[in-house]
Amino acid sequence: MLKKIFTLLVLLYAFASFAAAVDVNKATAAELDSIKGIGPAMSGKILDERKKNNFKDWPDFISRVKGVGEATAAKLSGEGLTVNGTSFKAAAPAAAAPAAAPAAKAEPPKPAASASKK
């Protein structure tokens, strides 16, 4: 019985470590490679940029790592990548287009001209 409990705890720990977020400023190359969408080439680019200076936030990460845009950042964040502990939040969509101008008011119908003569 004790062996089963121990095995269960080990499995739970393994699953919890899989779900743990990977911070781009602290991760090793192997930890970055564990994120779906990051391969050896991308992790190399990330580590090279990180050597210059840590990433401040997601916009800084996107601007400094070639090949990463907002769509890629959203995917990587969804897979568990964080920058300074924060997940990527896409920029708010542009303000909705102004509502179309109301249609010109229809003029009320004019009375028909009478054909009678006085």
PDB file of N, CA and C in Angstrom:
ATOM      1  N   MET A   1       0.826  -1.198   0.000  1.00  0.00           N
ATOM      2  CA  MET A   1       0.000   0.000   0.000  1.00  0.00           C
ATOM      3  C   MET A   1       0.868   1.259   0.000  1.00  0.00           C
ATOM      4  N   LEU A   2       1.896   1.266   0.807  1.00  0.00           N
ATOM      5  CA  LEU A   2       2.791   2.412   0.888  1.00  0.00           C
ATOM      6  C   LEU A   2       3.509   2.635  -0.450  1.00  0.00           C
ATOM      7  N   LYS A   3       3.815   1.537  -1.107  1.00  0.00           N
ATOM      8  CA  LYS A   3       4.487   1.619  -2.405  1.00  0.00           C
ATOM      9  C   LYS A   3       3.572   2.297  -3.436  1.00  0.00           C
ATOM     10  N   LYS A   4       2.285   2.001  -3.404  1.00  0.00           N
ATOM     11  CA  LYS A   4       1.334   2.616  -4.332  1.00  0.00           C
ATOM     12  C   LYS A   4       1.212   4.120  -4.074  1.00  0.00           C
ATOM     13  N   ILE A   5       1.172   4.502  -2.811  1.00  0.00           N
ATOM     14  CA  ILE A   5       1.071   5.919  -2.461  1.00  0.00           C
ATOM     15  C   ILE A   5       2.321   6.662  -2.927  1.00  0.00           C
ATOM     16  N   PHE A   6       3.479   6.056  -2.703  1.00  0.00           N
ATOM     17  CA  PHE A   6       4.732   6.668  -3.131  1.00  0.00           C
ATOM     18  C   PHE A   6       4.764   6.842  -4.651  1.00  0.00           C
ATOM     19  N   THR A   7       4.338   5.818  -5.372  1.00  0.00           N
ATOM     20  CA  THR A   7       4.303   5.879  -6.832  1.00  0.00           C
ATOM     21  C   THR A   7       3.354   6.983  -7.300  1.00  0.00           C
ATOM     22  N   LEU A   8       2.217   7.092  -6.660  1.00  0.00           N
ATOM     23  CA  LEU A   8       1.256   8.133  -7.007  1.00  0.00           C
ATOM     24  C   LEU A   8       1.849   9.523  -6.782  1.00  0.00           C
ATOM     25  N   LEU A   9       2.542   9.718  -5.670  1.00  0.00           N
ATOM     26  CA  LEU A   9       3.160  11.010  -5.387  1.00  0.00           C
ATOM     27  C   LEU A   9       4.235  11.360  -6.420  1.00  0.00           C
ATOM     28  N   VAL A  10       5.011  10.371  -6.815  1.00  0.00           N
ATOM     29  CA  VAL A  10       6.046  10.604  -7.826  1.00  0.00           C
ATOM     30  C   VAL A  10       5.410  11.007  -9.153  1.00  0.00           C
ATOM     31  N   LEU A  11       4.343  10.324  -9.535  1.00  0.00           N
ATOM     32  CA  LEU A  11       3.655  10.659 -10.783  1.00  0.00           C
ATOM     33  C   LEU A  11       3.047  12.062 -10.731  1.00  0.00           C
ATOM     34  N   LEU A  12       2.440  12.402  -9.610  1.00  0.00           N
ATOM     35  CA  LEU A  12       1.865  13.740  -9.467  1.00  0.00           C
ATOM     36  C   LEU A  12       2.943  14.817  -9.573  1.00  0.00           C
ATOM     37  N   TYR A  13       4.085  14.559  -8.960  1.00  0.00           N
ATOM     38  CA  TYR A  13       5.191  15.514  -9.033  1.00  0.00           C
ATOM     39  C   TYR A  13       5.673  15.663 -10.475  1.00  0.00           C
ATOM     40  N   ALA A  14       5.769  14.552 -11.189  1.00  0.00           N
ATOM     41  CA  ALA A  14       6.221  14.591 -12.582  1.00  0.00           C
ATOM     42  C   ALA A  14       5.253  15.399 -13.444  1.00  0.00           C
ATOM     43  N   PHE A  15       3.957  15.190 -13.265  1.00  0.00           N
ATOM     44  CA  PHE A  15       2.969  15.942 -14.043  1.00  0.00           C
ATOM     45  C   PHE A  15       2.984  17.421 -13.665  1.00  0.00           C
ATOM     46  N   ALA A  16       3.188  17.718 -12.401  1.00  0.00           N
ATOM     47  CA  ALA A  16       3.222  19.113 -11.967  1.00  0.00           C
ATOM     48  C   ALA A  16       4.428  19.834 -12.560  1.00  0.00           C
ATOM     49  N   SER A  17       5.550  19.159 -12.654  1.00  0.00           N
ATOM     50  CA  SER A  17       6.731  19.804 -13.218  1.00  0.00           C
ATOM     51  C   SER A  17       6.571  20.023 -14.716  1.00  0.00           C
ATOM     52  N   PHE A  18       5.799  19.163 -15.394  1.00  0.00           N
ATOM     53  CA  PHE A  18       5.529  19.360 -16.812  1.00  0.00           C
ATOM     54  C   PHE A  18       4.707  20.619 -17.029  1.00  0.00           C
ATOM     55  N   ALA A  19       3.771  20.878 -16.158  1.00  0.00           N
ATOM     56  CA  ALA A  19       2.863  22.005 -16.320  1.00  0.00           C
ATOM     57  C   ALA A  19       3.462  23.318 -15.821  1.00  0.00           C
ATOM     58  N   ALA A  20       4.646  23.262 -15.219  1.00  0.00           N
ATOM     59  CA  ALA A  20       5.250  24.465 -14.662  1.00  0.00           C
ATOM     60  C   ALA A  20       5.632  25.434 -15.773  1.00  0.00           C
ATOM     61  N   ALA A  21       5.472  26.699 -15.485  1.00  0.00           N
ATOM     62  CA  ALA A  21       5.824  27.728 -16.458  1.00  0.00           C
ATOM     63  C   ALA A  21       7.341  27.834 -16.571  1.00  0.00           C
ATOM     64  N   VAL A  22       7.801  28.192 -17.745  1.00  0.00           N
ATOM     65  CA  VAL A  22       9.223  28.367 -18.003  1.00  0.00           C
ATOM     66  C   VAL A  22       9.455  29.850 -18.244  1.00  0.00           C
ATOM     67  N   ASP A  23      10.229  30.485 -17.353  1.00  0.00           N
ATOM     68  CA  ASP A  23      10.514  31.905 -17.508  1.00  0.00           C
ATOM     69  C   ASP A  23      11.699  32.079 -18.443  1.00  0.00           C
ATOM     70  N   VAL A  24      11.529  32.901 -19.455  1.00  0.00           N
ATOM     71  CA  VAL A  24      12.536  33.081 -20.493  1.00  0.00           C
ATOM     72  C   VAL A  24      13.833  33.676 -19.934  1.00  0.00           C
ATOM     73  N   ASN A  25      13.766  34.411 -18.839  1.00  0.00           N
ATOM     74  CA  ASN A  25      14.958  35.020 -18.256  1.00  0.00           C
ATOM     75  C   ASN A  25      15.732  34.080 -17.337  1.00  0.00           C
ATOM     76  N   LYS A  26      15.172  32.926 -17.006  1.00  0.00           N
ATOM     77  CA  LYS A  26      15.827  31.997 -16.081  1.00  0.00           C
ATOM     78  C   LYS A  26      16.072  30.626 -16.686  1.00  0.00           C
ATOM     79  N   ALA A  27      15.445  30.323 -17.798  1.00  0.00           N
ATOM     80  CA  ALA A  27      15.455  28.969 -18.351  1.00  0.00           C
ATOM     81  C   ALA A  27      16.783  28.621 -19.013  1.00  0.00           C
ATOM     82  N   THR A  28      17.111  27.340 -18.932  1.00  0.00           N
ATOM     83  CA  THR A  28      18.257  26.809 -19.658  1.00  0.00           C
ATOM     84  C   THR A  28      17.813  26.491 -21.082  1.00  0.00           C
ATOM     85  N   ALA A  29      18.782  26.145 -21.916  1.00  0.00           N
ATOM     86  CA  ALA A  29      18.449  25.774 -23.297  1.00  0.00           C
ATOM     87  C   ALA A  29      17.520  24.569 -23.311  1.00  0.00           C
ATOM     88  N   ALA A  30      17.770  23.603 -22.439  1.00  0.00           N
ATOM     89  CA  ALA A  30      16.925  22.403 -22.394  1.00  0.00           C
ATOM     90  C   ALA A  30      15.505  22.746 -21.958  1.00  0.00           C
ATOM     91  N   GLU A  31      15.373  23.652 -20.999  1.00  0.00           N
ATOM     92  CA  GLU A  31      14.034  24.046 -20.547  1.00  0.00           C
ATOM     93  C   GLU A  31      13.289  24.795 -21.652  1.00  0.00           C
ATOM     94  N   LEU A  32      14.003  25.645 -22.378  1.00  0.00           N
ATOM     95  CA  LEU A  32      13.362  26.347 -23.496  1.00  0.00           C
ATOM     96  C   LEU A  32      12.947  25.363 -24.579  1.00  0.00           C
ATOM     97  N   ASP A  33      13.805  24.374 -24.845  1.00  0.00           N
ATOM     98  CA  ASP A  33      13.483  23.358 -25.858  1.00  0.00           C
ATOM     99  C   ASP A  33      12.270  22.529 -25.471  1.00  0.00           C
ATOM    100  N   SER A  34      11.959  22.470 -24.186  1.00  0.00           N
ATOM    101  CA  SER A  34      10.805  21.680 -23.749  1.00  0.00           C
ATOM    102  C   SER A  34       9.481  22.351 -24.103  1.00  0.00           C
ATOM    103  N   ILE A  35       9.526  23.630 -24.455  1.00  0.00           N
ATOM    104  CA  ILE A  35       8.320  24.357 -24.856  1.00  0.00           C
ATOM    105  C   ILE A  35       8.016  24.018 -26.307  1.00  0.00           C
ATOM    106  N   LYS A  36       6.790  23.574 -26.559  1.00  0.00           N
ATOM    107  CA  LYS A  36       6.389  23.248 -27.929  1.00  0.00           C
ATOM    108  C   LYS A  36       6.460  24.521 -28.769  1.00  0.00           C
ATOM    109  N   GLY A  37       7.190  24.459 -29.872  1.00  0.00           N
ATOM    110  CA  GLY A  37       7.361  25.617 -30.734  1.00  0.00           C
ATOM    111  C   GLY A  37       8.741  26.233 -30.639  1.00  0.00           C
ATOM    112  N   ILE A  38       9.517  25.817 -29.626  1.00  0.00           N
ATOM    113  CA  ILE A  38      10.891  26.300 -29.492  1.00  0.00           C
ATOM    114  C   ILE A  38      11.820  25.125 -29.734  1.00  0.00           C
ATOM    115  N   GLY A  39      12.671  25.286 -30.724  1.00  0.00           N
ATOM    116  CA  GLY A  39      13.670  24.269 -31.026  1.00  0.00           C
ATOM    117  C   GLY A  39      15.048  24.800 -30.685  1.00  0.00           C
ATOM    118  N   PRO A  40      16.075  24.054 -31.029  1.00  0.00           N
ATOM    119  CA  PRO A  40      17.442  24.486 -30.713  1.00  0.00           C
ATOM    120  C   PRO A  40      17.808  25.844 -31.333  1.00  0.00           C
ATOM    121  N   ALA A  41      17.360  26.103 -32.550  1.00  0.00           N
ATOM    122  CA  ALA A  41      17.686  27.384 -33.195  1.00  0.00           C
ATOM    123  C   ALA A  41      17.036  28.548 -32.450  1.00  0.00           C
ATOM    124  N   MET A  42      15.758  28.411 -32.124  1.00  0.00           N
ATOM    125  CA  MET A  42      15.041  29.482 -31.424  1.00  0.00           C
ATOM    126  C   MET A  42      15.606  29.681 -30.016  1.00  0.00           C
ATOM    127  N   SER A  43      15.883  28.589 -29.309  1.00  0.00           N
ATOM    128  CA  SER A  43      16.423  28.743 -27.955  1.00  0.00           C
ATOM    129  C   SER A  43      17.794  29.409 -28.009  1.00  0.00           C
ATOM    130  N   GLY A  44      18.575  29.136 -29.061  1.00  0.00           N
ATOM    131  CA  GLY A  44      19.867  29.804 -29.223  1.00  0.00           C
ATOM    132  C   GLY A  44      19.699  31.304 -29.409  1.00  0.00           C
ATOM    133  N   LYS A  45      18.717  31.703 -30.224  1.00  0.00           N
ATOM    134  CA  LYS A  45      18.447  33.132 -30.426  1.00  0.00           C
ATOM    135  C   LYS A  45      18.032  33.790 -29.114  1.00  0.00           C
ATOM    136  N   ILE A  46      17.181  33.093 -28.370  1.00  0.00           N
ATOM    137  CA  ILE A  46      16.699  33.641 -27.098  1.00  0.00           C
ATOM    138  C   ILE A  46      17.859  33.819 -26.127  1.00  0.00           C
ATOM    139  N   LEU A  47      18.703  32.792 -26.008  1.00  0.00           N
ATOM    140  CA  LEU A  47      19.825  32.865 -25.071  1.00  0.00           C
ATOM    141  C   LEU A  47      20.837  33.928 -25.489  1.00  0.00           C
ATOM    142  N   ASP A  48      21.077  34.082 -26.796  1.00  0.00           N
ATOM    143  CA  ASP A  48      21.999  35.117 -27.272  1.00  0.00           C
ATOM    144  C   ASP A  48      21.491  36.507 -26.905  1.00  0.00           C
ATOM    145  N   GLU A  49      20.204  36.746 -27.086  1.00  0.00           N
ATOM    146  CA  GLU A  49      19.628  38.046 -26.733  1.00  0.00           C
ATOM    147  C   GLU A  49      19.611  38.251 -25.223  1.00  0.00           C
ATOM    148  N   ARG A  50      19.379  37.180 -24.489  1.00  0.00           N
ATOM    149  CA  ARG A  50      19.333  37.290 -23.026  1.00  0.00           C
ATOM    150  C   ARG A  50      20.704  37.616 -22.455  1.00  0.00           C
ATOM    151  N   LYS A  51      21.784  37.164 -23.139  1.00  0.00           N
ATOM    152  CA  LYS A  51      23.139  37.489 -22.674  1.00  0.00           C
ATOM    153  C   LYS A  51      23.367  38.996 -22.697  1.00  0.00           C
ATOM    154  N   LYS A  52      22.773  39.676 -23.664  1.00  0.00           N
ATOM    155  CA  LYS A  52      22.924  41.129 -23.763  1.00  0.00           C
ATOM    156  C   LYS A  52      22.235  41.818 -22.594  1.00  0.00           C
ATOM    157  N   ASN A  53      21.035  41.351 -22.280  1.00  0.00           N
ATOM    158  CA  ASN A  53      20.254  41.905 -21.173  1.00  0.00           C
ATOM    159  C   ASN A  53      18.986  41.075 -21.029  1.00  0.00           C
ATOM    160  N   ASN A  54      18.488  40.949 -19.808  1.00  0.00           N
ATOM    161  CA  ASN A  54      17.234  40.219 -19.603  1.00  0.00           C
ATOM    162  C   ASN A  54      16.096  40.922 -20.332  1.00  0.00           C
ATOM    163  N   PHE A  55      15.076  40.134 -20.650  1.00  0.00           N
ATOM    164  CA  PHE A  55      13.897  40.687 -21.306  1.00  0.00           C
ATOM    165  C   PHE A  55      13.035  41.381 -20.257  1.00  0.00           C
ATOM    166  N   LYS A  56      12.590  42.617 -20.563  1.00  0.00           N
ATOM    167  CA  LYS A  56      11.762  43.374 -19.621  1.00  0.00           C
ATOM    168  C   LYS A  56      10.326  42.883 -19.611  1.00  0.00           C
ATOM    169  N   ASP A  57       9.803  42.641 -20.816  1.00  0.00           N
ATOM    170  CA  ASP A  57       8.400  42.260 -20.952  1.00  0.00           C
ATOM    171  C   ASP A  57       8.216  41.610 -22.317  1.00  0.00           C
ATOM    172  N   TRP A  58       6.983  41.241 -22.624  1.00  0.00           N
ATOM    173  CA  TRP A  58       6.712  40.568 -23.897  1.00  0.00           C
ATOM    174  C   TRP A  58       7.040  41.439 -25.104  1.00  0.00           C
ATOM    175  N   PRO A  59       6.679  42.726 -25.130  1.00  0.00           N
ATOM    176  CA  PRO A  59       7.055  43.535 -26.298  1.00  0.00           C
ATOM    177  C   PRO A  59       8.576  43.581 -26.508  1.00  0.00           C
ATOM    178  N   ASP A  60       9.341  43.625 -25.423  1.00  0.00           N
ATOM    179  CA  ASP A  60      10.799  43.600 -25.523  1.00  0.00           C
ATOM    180  C   ASP A  60      11.260  42.268 -26.111  1.00  0.00           C
ATOM    181  N   PHE A  61      10.674  41.182 -25.644  1.00  0.00           N
ATOM    182  CA  PHE A  61      11.005  39.843 -26.158  1.00  0.00           C
ATOM    183  C   PHE A  61      10.699  39.755 -27.652  1.00  0.00           C
ATOM    184  N   ILE A  62       9.525  40.229 -28.060  1.00  0.00           N
ATOM    185  CA  ILE A  62       9.108  40.165 -29.463  1.00  0.00           C
ATOM    186  C   ILE A  62      10.031  41.004 -30.346  1.00  0.00           C
ATOM    187  N   SER A  63      10.423  42.169 -29.865  1.00  0.00           N
ATOM    188  CA  SER A  63      11.260  43.049 -30.689  1.00  0.00           C
ATOM    189  C   SER A  63      12.693  42.541 -30.811  1.00  0.00           C
ATOM    190  N   ARG A  64      13.187  41.820 -29.819  1.00  0.00           N
ATOM    191  CA  ARG A  64      14.591  41.401 -29.832  1.00  0.00           C
ATOM    192  C   ARG A  64      14.837  40.021 -30.412  1.00  0.00           C
ATOM    193  N   VAL A  65      13.855  39.132 -30.374  1.00  0.00           N
ATOM    194  CA  VAL A  65      14.057  37.767 -30.873  1.00  0.00           C
ATOM    195  C   VAL A  65      13.490  37.679 -32.283  1.00  0.00           C
ATOM    196  N   LYS A  66      14.388  37.523 -33.246  1.00  0.00           N
ATOM    197  CA  LYS A  66      13.974  37.460 -34.647  1.00  0.00           C
ATOM    198  C   LYS A  66      13.121  36.219 -34.872  1.00  0.00           C
ATOM    199  N   GLY A  67      12.003  36.398 -35.566  1.00  0.00           N
ATOM    200  CA  GLY A  67      11.113  35.280 -35.862  1.00  0.00           C
ATOM    201  C   GLY A  67       9.965  35.135 -34.883  1.00  0.00           C
ATOM    202  N   VAL A  68       9.911  36.022 -33.885  1.00  0.00           N
ATOM    203  CA  VAL A  68       8.812  35.969 -32.915  1.00  0.00           C
ATOM    204  C   VAL A  68       7.963  37.219 -33.084  1.00  0.00           C
ATOM    205  N   GLY A  69       6.700  36.999 -33.410  1.00  0.00           N
ATOM    206  CA  GLY A  69       5.732  38.083 -33.499  1.00  0.00           C
ATOM    207  C   GLY A  69       4.651  37.846 -32.454  1.00  0.00           C
ATOM    208  N   GLU A  70       3.585  38.609 -32.539  1.00  0.00           N
ATOM    209  CA  GLU A  70       2.517  38.467 -31.546  1.00  0.00           C
ATOM    210  C   GLU A  70       1.863  37.095 -31.603  1.00  0.00           C
ATOM    211  N   ALA A  71       1.668  36.563 -32.804  1.00  0.00           N
ATOM    212  CA  ALA A  71       1.021  35.252 -32.924  1.00  0.00           C
ATOM    213  C   ALA A  71       1.895  34.163 -32.313  1.00  0.00           C
ATOM    214  N   THR A  72       3.195  34.205 -32.605  1.00  0.00           N
ATOM    215  CA  THR A  72       4.112  33.214 -32.039  1.00  0.00           C
ATOM    216  C   THR A  72       4.201  33.380 -30.531  1.00  0.00           C
ATOM    217  N   ALA A  73       4.256  34.621 -30.067  1.00  0.00           N
ATOM    218  CA  ALA A  73       4.327  34.875 -28.628  1.00  0.00           C
ATOM    219  C   ALA A  73       3.099  34.309 -27.920  1.00  0.00           C
ATOM    220  N   ALA A  74       1.939  34.466 -28.528  1.00  0.00           N
ATOM    221  CA  ALA A  74       0.711  33.928 -27.929  1.00  0.00           C
ATOM    222  C   ALA A  74       0.772  32.406 -27.843  1.00  0.00           C
ATOM    223  N   LYS A  75       1.284  31.761 -28.900  1.00  0.00           N
ATOM    224  CA  LYS A  75       1.393  30.296 -28.890  1.00  0.00           C
ATOM    225  C   LYS A  75       2.386  29.828 -27.834  1.00  0.00           C
ATOM    226  N   LEU A  76       3.551  30.488 -27.772  1.00  0.00           N
ATOM    227  CA  LEU A  76       4.572  30.092 -26.799  1.00  0.00           C
ATOM    228  C   LEU A  76       4.072  30.304 -25.374  1.00  0.00           C
ATOM    229  N   SER A  77       3.373  31.394 -25.160  1.00  0.00           N
ATOM    230  CA  SER A  77       2.810  31.658 -23.839  1.00  0.00           C
ATOM    231  C   SER A  77       1.784  30.595 -23.473  1.00  0.00           C
ATOM    232  N   GLY A  78       0.988  30.187 -24.447  1.00  0.00           N
ATOM    233  CA  GLY A  78       0.000  29.135 -24.210  1.00  0.00           C
ATOM    234  C   GLY A  78       0.645  27.802 -23.865  1.00  0.00           C
ATOM    235  N   GLU A  79       1.878  27.605 -24.319  1.00  0.00           N
ATOM    236  CA  GLU A  79       2.608  26.370 -24.017  1.00  0.00           C
ATOM    237  C   GLU A  79       3.354  26.455 -22.692  1.00  0.00           C
ATOM    238  N   GLY A  80       3.342  27.632 -22.047  1.00  0.00           N
ATOM    239  CA  GLY A  80       3.949  27.749 -20.724  1.00  0.00           C
ATOM    240  C   GLY A  80       5.110  28.717 -20.615  1.00  0.00           C
ATOM    241  N   LEU A  81       5.462  29.425 -21.671  1.00  0.00           N
ATOM    242  CA  LEU A  81       6.567  30.379 -21.612  1.00  0.00           C
ATOM    243  C   LEU A  81       6.085  31.681 -20.981  1.00  0.00           C
ATOM    244  N   THR A  82       6.895  32.234 -20.092  1.00  0.00           N
ATOM    245  CA  THR A  82       6.571  33.517 -19.468  1.00  0.00           C
ATOM    246  C   THR A  82       7.772  34.452 -19.578  1.00  0.00           C
ATOM    247  N   VAL A  83       7.516  35.746 -19.464  1.00  0.00           N
ATOM    248  CA  VAL A  83       8.568  36.752 -19.376  1.00  0.00           C
ATOM    249  C   VAL A  83       8.359  37.457 -18.049  1.00  0.00           C
ATOM    250  N   ASN A  84       9.331  37.316 -17.161  1.00  0.00           N
ATOM    251  CA  ASN A  84       9.226  37.870 -15.802  1.00  0.00           C
ATOM    252  C   ASN A  84       7.952  37.405 -15.102  1.00  0.00           C
ATOM    253  N   GLY A  85       7.587  36.159 -15.346  1.00  0.00           N
ATOM    254  CA  GLY A  85       6.441  35.565 -14.668  1.00  0.00           C
ATOM    255  C   GLY A  85       5.085  35.913 -15.254  1.00  0.00           C
ATOM    256  N   THR A  86       5.057  36.655 -16.348  1.00  0.00           N
ATOM    257  CA  THR A  86       3.764  37.027 -16.926  1.00  0.00           C
ATOM    258  C   THR A  86       3.541  36.330 -18.260  1.00  0.00           C
ATOM    259  N   SER A  87       2.310  35.961 -18.495  1.00  0.00           N
ATOM    260  CA  SER A  87       1.916  35.366 -19.767  1.00  0.00           C
ATOM    261  C   SER A  87       1.670  36.479 -20.772  1.00  0.00           C
ATOM    262  N   PHE A  88       1.702  36.119 -22.043  1.00  0.00           N
ATOM    263  CA  PHE A  88       1.479  37.104 -23.106  1.00  0.00           C
ATOM    264  C   PHE A  88       0.007  37.459 -23.181  1.00  0.00           C
ATOM    265  N   LYS A  89      -0.247  38.734 -23.243  1.00  0.00           N
ATOM    266  CA  LYS A  89      -1.609  39.228 -23.449  1.00  0.00           C
ATOM    267  C   LYS A  89      -1.568  40.034 -24.734  1.00  0.00           C
ATOM    268  N   ALA A  90      -2.314  39.576 -25.739  1.00  0.00           N
ATOM    269  CA  ALA A  90      -2.314  40.251 -27.038  1.00  0.00           C
ATOM    270  C   ALA A  90      -2.772  41.687 -26.876  1.00  0.00           C
ATOM    271  N   ALA A  91      -2.250  42.541 -27.729  1.00  0.00           N
ATOM    272  CA  ALA A  91      -2.643  43.947 -27.704  1.00  0.00           C
ATOM    273  C   ALA A  91      -4.137  44.054 -27.954  1.00  0.00           C
ATOM    274  N   ALA A  92      -4.738  45.009 -27.303  1.00  0.00           N
ATOM    275  CA  ALA A  92      -6.181  45.205 -27.477  1.00  0.00           C
ATOM    276  C   ALA A  92      -6.461  45.511 -28.935  1.00  0.00           C
ATOM    277  N   PRO A  93      -7.499  44.915 -29.495  1.00  0.00           N
ATOM    278  CA  PRO A  93      -7.807  45.200 -30.894  1.00  0.00           C
ATOM    279  C   PRO A  93      -8.109  46.678 -31.084  1.00  0.00           C
ATOM    280  N   ALA A  94      -7.854  47.160 -32.272  1.00  0.00           N
ATOM    281  CA  ALA A  94      -8.102  48.572 -32.573  1.00  0.00           C
ATOM    282  C   ALA A  94      -9.549  48.913 -32.246  1.00  0.00           C
ATOM    283  N   ALA A  95      -9.751  50.155 -31.903  1.00  0.00           N
ATOM    284  CA  ALA A  95     -11.108  50.580 -31.548  1.00  0.00           C
ATOM    285  C   ALA A  95     -12.054  50.224 -32.680  1.00  0.00           C
ATOM    286  N   ALA A  96     -13.221  49.805 -32.304  1.00  0.00           N
ATOM    287  CA  ALA A  96     -14.205  49.409 -33.319  1.00  0.00           C
ATOM    288  C   ALA A  96     -14.445  50.575 -34.263  1.00  0.00           C
ATOM    289  N   ALA A  97     -14.658  50.254 -35.504  1.00  0.00           N
ATOM    290  CA  ALA A  97     -14.909  51.302 -36.498  1.00  0.00           C
ATOM    291  C   ALA A  97     -16.125  52.099 -36.063  1.00  0.00           C
ATOM    292  N   PRO A  98     -16.075  53.408 -36.266  1.00  0.00           N
ATOM    293  CA  PRO A  98     -17.234  54.195 -35.850  1.00  0.00           C
ATOM    294  C   PRO A  98     -18.486  53.707 -36.566  1.00  0.00           C
ATOM    295  N   ALA A  99     -19.565  53.784 -35.858  1.00  0.00           N
ATOM    296  CA  ALA A  99     -20.832  53.318 -36.436  1.00  0.00           C
ATOM    297  C   ALA A  99     -21.132  54.116 -37.695  1.00  0.00           C
ATOM    298  N   ALA A 100     -21.724  53.446 -38.632  1.00  0.00           N
ATOM    299  CA  ALA A 100     -22.069  54.116 -39.891  1.00  0.00           C
ATOM    300  C   ALA A 100     -22.993  55.287 -39.587  1.00  0.00           C
ATOM    301  N   ALA A 101     -22.831  56.348 -40.360  1.00  0.00           N
ATOM    302  CA  ALA A 101     -23.679  57.518 -40.150  1.00  0.00           C
ATOM    303  C   ALA A 101     -25.129  57.112 -40.347  1.00  0.00           C
ATOM    304  N   PRO A 102     -26.011  57.630 -39.518  1.00  0.00           N
ATOM    305  CA  PRO A 102     -27.409  57.253 -39.687  1.00  0.00           C
ATOM    306  C   PRO A 102     -27.892  57.648 -41.081  1.00  0.00           C
ATOM    307  N   ALA A 103     -28.743  56.824 -41.628  1.00  0.00           N
ATOM    308  CA  ALA A 103     -29.272  57.086 -42.971  1.00  0.00           C
ATOM    309  C   ALA A 103     -30.029  58.408 -42.958  1.00  0.00           C
ATOM    310  N   ALA A 104     -29.975  59.095 -44.083  1.00  0.00           N
ATOM    311  CA  ALA A 104     -30.688  60.368 -44.184  1.00  0.00           C
ATOM    312  C   ALA A 104     -32.162  60.124 -43.920  1.00  0.00           C
ATOM    313  N   LYS A 105     -32.732  61.037 -43.179  1.00  0.00           N
ATOM    314  CA  LYS A 105     -34.150  60.866 -42.857  1.00  0.00           C
ATOM    315  C   LYS A 105     -34.976  60.997 -44.128  1.00  0.00           C
ATOM    316  N   ALA A 106     -35.871  60.093 -44.263  1.00  0.00           N
ATOM    317  CA  ALA A 106     -36.756  60.146 -45.436  1.00  0.00           C
ATOM    318  C   ALA A 106     -37.721  61.307 -45.253  1.00  0.00           C
ATOM    319  N   GLU A 107     -37.895  62.042 -46.323  1.00  0.00           N
ATOM    320  CA  GLU A 107     -38.833  63.159 -46.241  1.00  0.00           C
ATOM    321  C   GLU A 107     -40.243  62.610 -46.266  1.00  0.00           C
ATOM    322  N   PRO A 108     -41.157  63.253 -45.539  1.00  0.00           N
ATOM    323  CA  PRO A 108     -42.536  62.769 -45.564  1.00  0.00           C
ATOM    324  C   PRO A 108     -43.105  62.942 -46.970  1.00  0.00           C
ATOM    325  N   PRO A 109     -43.961  62.058 -47.382  1.00  0.00           N
ATOM    326  CA  PRO A 109     -44.509  62.165 -48.737  1.00  0.00           C
ATOM    327  C   PRO A 109     -45.290  63.471 -48.897  1.00  0.00           C
ATOM    328  N   LYS A 110     -45.122  64.060 -50.061  1.00  0.00           N
ATOM    329  CA  LYS A 110     -45.836  65.308 -50.354  1.00  0.00           C
ATOM    330  C   LYS A 110     -47.230  64.949 -50.846  1.00  0.00           C
ATOM    331  N   PRO A 111     -48.181  65.803 -50.534  1.00  0.00           N
ATOM    332  CA  PRO A 111     -49.529  65.507 -51.021  1.00  0.00           C
ATOM    333  C   PRO A 111     -49.556  65.580 -52.550  1.00  0.00           C
ATOM    334  N   ALA A 112     -50.319  64.717 -53.117  1.00  0.00           N
ATOM    335  CA  ALA A 112     -50.425  64.685 -54.579  1.00  0.00           C
ATOM    336  C   ALA A 112     -51.109  65.955 -55.064  1.00  0.00           C
ATOM    337  N   ALA A 113     -50.686  66.449 -56.184  1.00  0.00           N
ATOM    338  CA  ALA A 113     -51.317  67.644 -56.749  1.00  0.00           C
ATOM    339  C   ALA A 113     -52.698  67.268 -57.251  1.00  0.00           C
ATOM    340  N   SER A 114     -53.639  68.113 -56.940  1.00  0.00           N
ATOM    341  CA  SER A 114     -55.002  67.797 -57.391  1.00  0.00           C
ATOM    342  C   SER A 114     -55.187  68.238 -58.836  1.00  0.00           C
ATOM    343  N   ALA A 115     -55.930  67.480 -59.543  1.00  0.00           N
ATOM    344  CA  ALA A 115     -56.164  67.758 -60.958  1.00  0.00           C
ATOM    345  C   ALA A 115     -57.399  68.636 -61.164  1.00  0.00           C
ATOM    346  N   SER A 116     -58.116  68.985 -60.140  1.00  0.00           N
ATOM    347  CA  SER A 116     -59.344  69.767 -60.323  1.00  0.00           C
ATOM    348  C   SER A 116     -59.017  71.247 -60.486  1.00  0.00           C
ATOM    349  N   LYS A 117     -59.796  71.920 -61.333  1.00  0.00           N
ATOM    350  CA  LYS A 117     -59.623  73.350 -61.573  1.00  0.00           C
ATOM    351  C   LYS A 117     -60.742  74.089 -60.885  1.00  0.00           C
ATOM    352  N   LYS A 118     -60.487  75.254 -60.433  1.00  0.00           N
ATOM    353  CA  LYS A 118     -61.521  76.065 -59.811  1.00  0.00           C
ATOM    354  C   LYS A 118     -61.951  77.136 -60.713  1.00  0.00           C
TER     355      LYS A 118
END
